[in-house]
N, C-alpha and C. Protein backbone atom coordinates (compact mmCIF):
# COMPACT_ATOMS: atom_id res chain seq x y z
N MET A 1 0.85 -1.18 0.00
CA MET A 1 0.00 0.00 0.00
C MET A 1 0.89 1.24 0.00
N THR A 2 0.56 2.18 -0.84
CA THR A 2 1.37 3.38 -0.92
C THR A 2 1.01 4.35 0.19
N GLN A 3 1.94 5.20 0.50
CA GLN A 3 1.75 6.20 1.55
C GLN A 3 0.86 7.33 1.02
N PRO A 4 -0.20 7.71 1.76
CA PRO A 4 -1.07 8.79 1.27
C PRO A 4 -0.33 10.13 1.27
N PRO A 5 -0.73 11.03 0.39
CA PRO A 5 -0.07 12.34 0.30
C PRO A 5 -0.62 13.35 1.33
N PHE A 6 -1.10 12.86 2.46
CA PHE A 6 -1.66 13.72 3.50
C PHE A 6 -1.46 13.01 4.84
N ASP A 7 -1.67 13.74 5.91
CA ASP A 7 -1.56 13.17 7.26
C ASP A 7 -2.80 12.32 7.51
N LEU A 8 -2.63 11.01 7.57
CA LEU A 8 -3.74 10.08 7.69
C LEU A 8 -4.49 10.24 9.02
N VAL A 9 -3.76 10.41 10.11
CA VAL A 9 -4.40 10.58 11.42
C VAL A 9 -5.25 11.84 11.42
N GLN A 10 -4.70 12.91 10.89
CA GLN A 10 -5.44 14.18 10.82
C GLN A 10 -6.68 14.02 9.93
N ALA A 11 -6.55 13.30 8.85
CA ALA A 11 -7.69 13.09 7.94
C ALA A 11 -8.79 12.28 8.63
N HIS A 12 -8.40 11.20 9.31
CA HIS A 12 -9.40 10.40 10.03
C HIS A 12 -10.13 11.26 11.06
N ARG A 13 -9.41 12.05 11.81
CA ARG A 13 -10.03 12.89 12.83
C ARG A 13 -10.97 13.91 12.19
N TRP A 14 -10.54 14.52 11.09
CA TRP A 14 -11.37 15.51 10.41
C TRP A 14 -12.67 14.86 9.92
N PHE A 15 -12.56 13.72 9.26
CA PHE A 15 -13.75 13.05 8.75
C PHE A 15 -14.65 12.57 9.89
N ALA A 16 -14.06 12.09 10.97
CA ALA A 16 -14.86 11.65 12.12
C ALA A 16 -15.73 12.79 12.64
N VAL A 17 -15.12 13.94 12.82
CA VAL A 17 -15.86 15.10 13.35
C VAL A 17 -16.91 15.57 12.35
N GLU A 18 -16.52 15.73 11.11
CA GLU A 18 -17.45 16.25 10.09
C GLU A 18 -18.63 15.31 9.88
N LEU A 19 -18.37 14.03 9.77
CA LEU A 19 -19.45 13.08 9.54
C LEU A 19 -20.34 12.94 10.77
N ASN A 20 -19.75 13.02 11.94
CA ASN A 20 -20.52 13.03 13.18
C ASN A 20 -21.50 14.20 13.16
N ASN A 21 -21.02 15.38 12.79
CA ASN A 21 -21.88 16.57 12.76
C ASN A 21 -22.99 16.45 11.72
N VAL A 22 -22.66 15.90 10.56
CA VAL A 22 -23.68 15.69 9.52
C VAL A 22 -24.77 14.76 10.05
N ALA A 23 -24.35 13.66 10.65
CA ALA A 23 -25.33 12.68 11.14
C ALA A 23 -26.21 13.27 12.24
N TRP A 24 -25.60 13.97 13.23
CA TRP A 24 -26.41 14.56 14.30
C TRP A 24 -27.37 15.62 13.76
N ASP A 25 -26.91 16.41 12.79
CA ASP A 25 -27.81 17.40 12.18
C ASP A 25 -29.03 16.71 11.58
N LEU A 26 -28.81 15.60 10.90
CA LEU A 26 -29.93 14.88 10.29
C LEU A 26 -30.80 14.20 11.35
N VAL A 27 -30.20 13.70 12.42
CA VAL A 27 -30.98 13.13 13.52
C VAL A 27 -31.94 14.18 14.06
N GLU A 28 -31.47 15.41 14.18
CA GLU A 28 -32.28 16.47 14.79
C GLU A 28 -33.17 17.21 13.80
N THR A 29 -33.13 16.82 12.52
CA THR A 29 -34.03 17.40 11.54
C THR A 29 -35.43 16.83 11.77
N PRO A 30 -36.44 17.70 11.88
CA PRO A 30 -37.79 17.21 12.21
C PRO A 30 -38.37 16.22 11.20
N ALA A 31 -38.12 16.43 9.94
CA ALA A 31 -38.64 15.52 8.91
C ALA A 31 -37.53 15.25 7.91
N ARG A 32 -37.26 13.97 7.67
CA ARG A 32 -36.20 13.58 6.77
C ARG A 32 -36.79 12.82 5.57
N SER A 33 -36.27 13.10 4.41
CA SER A 33 -36.66 12.32 3.24
C SER A 33 -35.99 10.94 3.34
N PRO A 34 -36.45 9.98 2.57
CA PRO A 34 -35.77 8.68 2.57
C PRO A 34 -34.28 8.79 2.22
N ASP A 35 -33.95 9.68 1.30
CA ASP A 35 -32.53 9.88 0.96
C ASP A 35 -31.75 10.45 2.14
N GLU A 36 -32.37 11.36 2.89
CA GLU A 36 -31.70 11.93 4.07
C GLU A 36 -31.53 10.87 5.16
N VAL A 37 -32.48 9.98 5.29
CA VAL A 37 -32.36 8.90 6.26
C VAL A 37 -31.15 8.03 5.91
N GLU A 38 -31.02 7.67 4.66
CA GLU A 38 -29.87 6.87 4.23
C GLU A 38 -28.56 7.62 4.46
N ARG A 39 -28.55 8.90 4.14
CA ARG A 39 -27.35 9.72 4.34
C ARG A 39 -27.00 9.78 5.83
N MET A 40 -28.00 9.92 6.69
CA MET A 40 -27.79 9.97 8.14
C MET A 40 -27.13 8.67 8.62
N ILE A 41 -27.65 7.54 8.18
CA ILE A 41 -27.11 6.24 8.60
C ILE A 41 -25.69 6.06 8.08
N HIS A 42 -25.47 6.38 6.83
CA HIS A 42 -24.12 6.25 6.26
C HIS A 42 -23.14 7.17 6.97
N ALA A 43 -23.54 8.39 7.25
CA ALA A 43 -22.64 9.34 7.93
C ALA A 43 -22.32 8.84 9.34
N ALA A 44 -23.31 8.30 10.04
CA ALA A 44 -23.07 7.79 11.40
C ALA A 44 -22.08 6.62 11.37
N HIS A 45 -22.26 5.70 10.42
CA HIS A 45 -21.32 4.58 10.32
C HIS A 45 -19.93 5.06 9.92
N ALA A 46 -19.87 6.00 9.00
CA ALA A 46 -18.56 6.50 8.57
C ALA A 46 -17.85 7.22 9.72
N ALA A 47 -18.59 8.00 10.49
CA ALA A 47 -17.99 8.67 11.64
C ALA A 47 -17.44 7.64 12.62
N CYS A 48 -18.20 6.60 12.87
CA CYS A 48 -17.76 5.54 13.78
C CYS A 48 -16.47 4.89 13.25
N HIS A 49 -16.45 4.60 11.97
CA HIS A 49 -15.25 4.00 11.37
C HIS A 49 -14.03 4.89 11.58
N HIS A 50 -14.17 6.16 11.31
CA HIS A 50 -13.02 7.06 11.46
C HIS A 50 -12.60 7.20 12.92
N TRP A 51 -13.57 7.23 13.85
CA TRP A 51 -13.20 7.29 15.27
C TRP A 51 -12.47 6.02 15.69
N LEU A 52 -12.85 4.89 15.14
CA LEU A 52 -12.15 3.65 15.48
C LEU A 52 -10.69 3.67 15.03
N GLN A 53 -10.38 4.47 14.03
CA GLN A 53 -9.00 4.57 13.54
C GLN A 53 -8.13 5.45 14.44
N VAL A 54 -8.72 6.50 15.01
CA VAL A 54 -7.88 7.48 15.73
C VAL A 54 -8.41 7.89 17.09
N GLY A 55 -9.60 7.46 17.44
CA GLY A 55 -10.21 7.94 18.68
C GLY A 55 -9.90 7.06 19.88
N LEU A 56 -10.41 7.50 20.98
CA LEU A 56 -10.33 6.76 22.24
C LEU A 56 -11.59 5.93 22.41
N PRO A 57 -11.62 5.04 23.39
CA PRO A 57 -12.86 4.29 23.64
C PRO A 57 -14.07 5.20 23.87
N LEU A 58 -13.86 6.37 24.44
CA LEU A 58 -14.97 7.31 24.64
C LEU A 58 -15.52 7.81 23.31
N ASN A 59 -14.64 8.05 22.33
CA ASN A 59 -15.12 8.45 21.01
C ASN A 59 -15.94 7.33 20.37
N HIS A 60 -15.51 6.10 20.59
CA HIS A 60 -16.26 4.96 20.06
C HIS A 60 -17.62 4.87 20.73
N GLN A 61 -17.67 5.07 22.04
CA GLN A 61 -18.95 5.07 22.76
C GLN A 61 -19.89 6.12 22.20
N ARG A 62 -19.38 7.31 21.98
CA ARG A 62 -20.22 8.39 21.44
C ARG A 62 -20.70 8.05 20.04
N ALA A 63 -19.85 7.42 19.24
CA ALA A 63 -20.25 7.02 17.88
C ALA A 63 -21.35 5.96 17.93
N LEU A 64 -21.26 5.04 18.88
CA LEU A 64 -22.30 4.01 19.03
C LEU A 64 -23.61 4.63 19.49
N CYS A 65 -23.54 5.64 20.35
CA CYS A 65 -24.74 6.35 20.78
C CYS A 65 -25.40 7.02 19.57
N LEU A 66 -24.59 7.64 18.73
CA LEU A 66 -25.11 8.26 17.51
C LEU A 66 -25.77 7.21 16.62
N LEU A 67 -25.11 6.07 16.43
CA LEU A 67 -25.69 5.02 15.59
C LEU A 67 -27.03 4.55 16.14
N ALA A 68 -27.09 4.28 17.44
CA ALA A 68 -28.35 3.83 18.04
C ALA A 68 -29.44 4.86 17.86
N THR A 69 -29.11 6.12 18.11
CA THR A 69 -30.10 7.19 18.00
C THR A 69 -30.54 7.38 16.55
N ALA A 70 -29.60 7.33 15.62
CA ALA A 70 -29.94 7.47 14.20
C ALA A 70 -30.86 6.34 13.75
N TYR A 71 -30.56 5.12 14.18
CA TYR A 71 -31.41 4.00 13.78
C TYR A 71 -32.81 4.12 14.40
N VAL A 72 -32.91 4.63 15.61
CA VAL A 72 -34.25 4.83 16.21
C VAL A 72 -35.05 5.81 15.37
N VAL A 73 -34.46 6.97 15.05
CA VAL A 73 -35.23 7.96 14.29
C VAL A 73 -35.51 7.48 12.86
N ALA A 74 -34.69 6.54 12.38
CA ALA A 74 -34.93 5.97 11.05
C ALA A 74 -36.00 4.88 11.10
N GLY A 75 -36.40 4.48 12.31
CA GLY A 75 -37.39 3.42 12.44
C GLY A 75 -36.83 2.03 12.21
N ARG A 76 -35.53 1.89 12.34
CA ARG A 76 -34.86 0.60 12.14
C ARG A 76 -34.47 0.06 13.52
N ILE A 77 -35.37 -0.68 14.10
CA ILE A 77 -35.31 -1.01 15.51
C ILE A 77 -34.21 -2.01 15.85
N GLU A 78 -34.07 -3.07 15.09
CA GLU A 78 -33.07 -4.09 15.43
C GLU A 78 -31.65 -3.51 15.53
N PRO A 79 -31.19 -2.77 14.53
CA PRO A 79 -29.84 -2.20 14.70
C PRO A 79 -29.79 -1.14 15.80
N ALA A 80 -30.89 -0.43 16.05
CA ALA A 80 -30.91 0.55 17.15
C ALA A 80 -30.65 -0.14 18.47
N VAL A 81 -31.33 -1.25 18.71
CA VAL A 81 -31.15 -2.01 19.96
C VAL A 81 -29.73 -2.56 20.04
N HIS A 82 -29.22 -3.06 18.95
CA HIS A 82 -27.86 -3.61 18.91
C HIS A 82 -26.83 -2.54 19.29
N TYR A 83 -26.88 -1.40 18.63
CA TYR A 83 -25.88 -0.36 18.90
C TYR A 83 -26.07 0.27 20.28
N ALA A 84 -27.30 0.36 20.76
CA ALA A 84 -27.53 0.89 22.10
C ALA A 84 -26.92 -0.04 23.15
N ALA A 85 -27.09 -1.33 22.98
CA ALA A 85 -26.51 -2.29 23.93
C ALA A 85 -24.98 -2.21 23.91
N HIS A 86 -24.43 -2.09 22.72
CA HIS A 86 -22.98 -1.99 22.58
C HIS A 86 -22.48 -0.68 23.23
N CYS A 87 -23.22 0.39 23.03
CA CYS A 87 -22.87 1.69 23.62
C CYS A 87 -22.89 1.60 25.14
N LEU A 88 -23.93 1.01 25.69
CA LEU A 88 -24.05 0.91 27.14
C LEU A 88 -22.95 0.04 27.73
N ALA A 89 -22.61 -1.05 27.06
CA ALA A 89 -21.51 -1.92 27.54
C ALA A 89 -20.20 -1.16 27.53
N LEU A 90 -19.96 -0.38 26.49
CA LEU A 90 -18.73 0.41 26.42
C LEU A 90 -18.74 1.51 27.48
N SER A 91 -19.90 2.09 27.73
CA SER A 91 -20.03 3.09 28.78
C SER A 91 -19.66 2.49 30.14
N ASP A 92 -20.11 1.27 30.39
CA ASP A 92 -19.75 0.59 31.64
C ASP A 92 -18.23 0.44 31.75
N ARG A 93 -17.59 0.07 30.66
CA ARG A 93 -16.13 -0.10 30.67
C ARG A 93 -15.40 1.24 30.76
N ASN A 94 -15.96 2.28 30.17
CA ASN A 94 -15.29 3.59 30.17
C ASN A 94 -15.30 4.25 31.54
N GLY A 95 -16.24 3.88 32.39
CA GLY A 95 -16.26 4.35 33.77
C GLY A 95 -16.07 5.85 33.93
N GLU A 96 -15.07 6.22 34.70
CA GLU A 96 -14.83 7.62 35.06
C GLU A 96 -14.25 8.46 33.93
N THR A 97 -13.89 7.84 32.80
CA THR A 97 -13.35 8.64 31.70
C THR A 97 -14.44 9.40 30.95
N GLN A 98 -15.70 9.05 31.23
CA GLN A 98 -16.81 9.70 30.54
C GLN A 98 -17.44 10.77 31.42
N SER A 99 -18.09 11.69 30.78
CA SER A 99 -18.82 12.74 31.49
C SER A 99 -20.20 12.22 31.90
N ALA A 100 -20.87 12.98 32.73
CA ALA A 100 -22.26 12.65 33.09
C ALA A 100 -23.13 12.63 31.84
N PHE A 101 -22.87 13.53 30.91
CA PHE A 101 -23.63 13.58 29.66
C PHE A 101 -23.43 12.29 28.86
N ASP A 102 -22.19 11.81 28.79
CA ASP A 102 -21.92 10.56 28.07
C ASP A 102 -22.68 9.40 28.69
N ARG A 103 -22.66 9.33 30.01
CA ARG A 103 -23.34 8.23 30.71
C ARG A 103 -24.85 8.33 30.52
N ALA A 104 -25.38 9.54 30.68
CA ALA A 104 -26.83 9.74 30.51
C ALA A 104 -27.28 9.42 29.10
N THR A 105 -26.50 9.80 28.10
CA THR A 105 -26.92 9.53 26.72
C THR A 105 -26.77 8.05 26.38
N ALA A 106 -25.84 7.33 27.02
CA ALA A 106 -25.76 5.88 26.82
C ALA A 106 -27.05 5.22 27.31
N PHE A 107 -27.53 5.65 28.48
CA PHE A 107 -28.80 5.13 28.97
C PHE A 107 -29.97 5.68 28.14
N GLY A 108 -29.86 6.93 27.69
CA GLY A 108 -30.93 7.55 26.91
C GLY A 108 -31.15 6.83 25.59
N CYS A 109 -30.06 6.55 24.87
CA CYS A 109 -30.24 5.84 23.59
C CYS A 109 -30.74 4.43 23.83
N SER A 110 -30.35 3.83 24.95
CA SER A 110 -30.85 2.49 25.29
C SER A 110 -32.35 2.55 25.59
N SER A 111 -32.78 3.61 26.25
CA SER A 111 -34.19 3.77 26.57
C SER A 111 -35.04 3.92 25.32
N VAL A 112 -34.64 4.82 24.41
CA VAL A 112 -35.47 5.03 23.22
C VAL A 112 -35.45 3.81 22.31
N ALA A 113 -34.32 3.09 22.27
CA ALA A 113 -34.26 1.87 21.45
C ALA A 113 -35.16 0.80 22.05
N ALA A 114 -35.12 0.64 23.37
CA ALA A 114 -35.98 -0.35 24.02
C ALA A 114 -37.45 -0.01 23.83
N GLU A 115 -37.79 1.26 23.97
CA GLU A 115 -39.19 1.69 23.77
C GLU A 115 -39.63 1.40 22.34
N ALA A 116 -38.78 1.70 21.38
CA ALA A 116 -39.12 1.45 19.98
C ALA A 116 -39.31 -0.04 19.71
N ALA A 117 -38.59 -0.87 20.47
CA ALA A 117 -38.69 -2.32 20.30
C ALA A 117 -39.87 -2.91 21.07
N GLY A 118 -40.59 -2.06 21.79
CA GLY A 118 -41.74 -2.54 22.54
C GLY A 118 -41.40 -3.06 23.93
N ALA A 119 -40.16 -2.89 24.36
CA ALA A 119 -39.73 -3.33 25.69
C ALA A 119 -39.93 -2.17 26.67
N HIS A 120 -41.19 -1.88 26.97
CA HIS A 120 -41.55 -0.68 27.74
C HIS A 120 -40.95 -0.68 29.14
N ASP A 121 -40.98 -1.81 29.83
CA ASP A 121 -40.42 -1.87 31.18
C ASP A 121 -38.93 -1.60 31.16
N ARG A 122 -38.25 -2.20 30.19
CA ARG A 122 -36.80 -1.99 30.05
C ARG A 122 -36.51 -0.53 29.71
N ALA A 123 -37.32 0.06 28.87
CA ALA A 123 -37.15 1.47 28.50
C ALA A 123 -37.26 2.36 29.73
N GLU A 124 -38.22 2.05 30.59
CA GLU A 124 -38.40 2.83 31.81
C GLU A 124 -37.18 2.73 32.73
N VAL A 125 -36.65 1.53 32.88
CA VAL A 125 -35.46 1.33 33.72
C VAL A 125 -34.29 2.12 33.17
N PHE A 126 -34.05 2.01 31.86
CA PHE A 126 -32.96 2.77 31.25
C PHE A 126 -33.17 4.27 31.43
N TYR A 127 -34.41 4.71 31.27
CA TYR A 127 -34.68 6.14 31.39
C TYR A 127 -34.42 6.63 32.82
N GLU A 128 -34.81 5.86 33.80
CA GLU A 128 -34.54 6.25 35.19
C GLU A 128 -33.03 6.32 35.44
N GLN A 129 -32.28 5.39 34.86
CA GLN A 129 -30.83 5.42 35.00
C GLN A 129 -30.24 6.64 34.28
N ALA A 130 -30.83 6.99 33.15
CA ALA A 130 -30.38 8.19 32.42
C ALA A 130 -30.63 9.42 33.26
N LEU A 131 -31.81 9.51 33.86
CA LEU A 131 -32.12 10.67 34.71
C LEU A 131 -31.19 10.75 35.90
N ASP A 132 -30.83 9.60 36.46
CA ASP A 132 -29.90 9.59 37.58
C ASP A 132 -28.54 10.17 37.15
N ALA A 133 -28.06 9.73 36.00
CA ALA A 133 -26.79 10.27 35.48
C ALA A 133 -26.92 11.76 35.16
N ALA A 134 -28.08 12.17 34.68
CA ALA A 134 -28.31 13.57 34.30
C ALA A 134 -28.32 14.51 35.49
N THR A 135 -28.52 13.99 36.69
CA THR A 135 -28.49 14.86 37.87
C THR A 135 -27.11 15.47 38.06
N LYS A 136 -26.11 14.91 37.42
CA LYS A 136 -24.73 15.40 37.56
C LYS A 136 -24.35 16.38 36.45
N PHE A 137 -25.29 16.71 35.56
CA PHE A 137 -25.00 17.69 34.50
C PHE A 137 -24.62 19.02 35.13
N GLU A 138 -23.60 19.64 34.60
CA GLU A 138 -23.18 20.96 35.07
C GLU A 138 -23.59 22.06 34.10
N ASP A 139 -24.06 21.69 32.95
CA ASP A 139 -24.34 22.64 31.88
C ASP A 139 -25.81 22.56 31.47
N ALA A 140 -26.48 23.70 31.41
CA ALA A 140 -27.89 23.74 31.01
C ALA A 140 -28.06 23.25 29.58
N ASP A 141 -27.07 23.51 28.71
CA ASP A 141 -27.16 23.03 27.33
C ASP A 141 -27.22 21.51 27.29
N ASP A 142 -26.44 20.85 28.17
CA ASP A 142 -26.49 19.39 28.23
C ASP A 142 -27.90 18.91 28.58
N ARG A 143 -28.53 19.58 29.53
CA ARG A 143 -29.90 19.20 29.92
C ARG A 143 -30.86 19.36 28.75
N ASN A 144 -30.73 20.47 28.02
CA ASN A 144 -31.62 20.73 26.89
C ASN A 144 -31.43 19.71 25.77
N VAL A 145 -30.18 19.42 25.44
CA VAL A 145 -29.90 18.46 24.38
C VAL A 145 -30.40 17.08 24.79
N PHE A 146 -30.11 16.69 26.02
CA PHE A 146 -30.56 15.38 26.50
C PHE A 146 -32.09 15.28 26.43
N ALA A 147 -32.78 16.29 26.92
CA ALA A 147 -34.25 16.27 26.93
C ALA A 147 -34.82 16.22 25.52
N ARG A 148 -34.17 16.89 24.59
CA ARG A 148 -34.65 16.91 23.21
C ARG A 148 -34.43 15.55 22.52
N LEU A 149 -33.26 14.94 22.76
CA LEU A 149 -32.93 13.69 22.07
C LEU A 149 -33.54 12.45 22.72
N TYR A 150 -33.69 12.49 24.04
CA TYR A 150 -34.11 11.29 24.77
C TYR A 150 -35.27 11.59 25.70
N PRO A 151 -36.46 11.75 25.12
CA PRO A 151 -37.65 12.01 25.94
C PRO A 151 -38.03 10.78 26.76
N PRO A 152 -38.81 10.99 27.80
CA PRO A 152 -39.21 9.84 28.62
C PRO A 152 -40.13 8.90 27.82
N PRO A 153 -40.07 7.62 28.17
CA PRO A 153 -41.04 6.71 27.56
C PRO A 153 -42.46 7.16 27.91
N PRO A 154 -43.44 6.88 27.07
CA PRO A 154 -44.81 7.34 27.32
C PRO A 154 -45.37 6.95 28.70
N SER A 155 -44.90 5.84 29.24
CA SER A 155 -45.44 5.38 30.51
C SER A 155 -44.84 6.08 31.73
N VAL A 156 -43.79 6.89 31.51
CA VAL A 156 -43.12 7.56 32.66
C VAL A 156 -43.82 8.88 32.93
């Protein structure tokens, strides 16, 4: 394999950030066309791939949270549940290296994925754990973003 004519680490980091932002923007778009849904999923996977090349385990956790959330809003439940479980397991391993926001969103994406899968009791448990982690938020913006992305299950 030939050497690329650019800094590969820098390129991976740039693409990870840019694709992450594209995917989150599409997640937060109120109405997406089918093409935008596909673009959102592809961008989330591409961001995850690039973070796996140059990021820390925390970057991987955040990428998995994005994937789970993107799949929920796309209505693709099986992969949403898969990536949420993977995100939560990585969150458990990341321990103190993550922020309260990271921990809360790991539970938050697990809650919305479980609710979408019809596992209402499980969704409630995850949501309560997310709220517990959210009590440690120091930033009002974190509270607003969390509340917007991960609403309570209907039964809460």
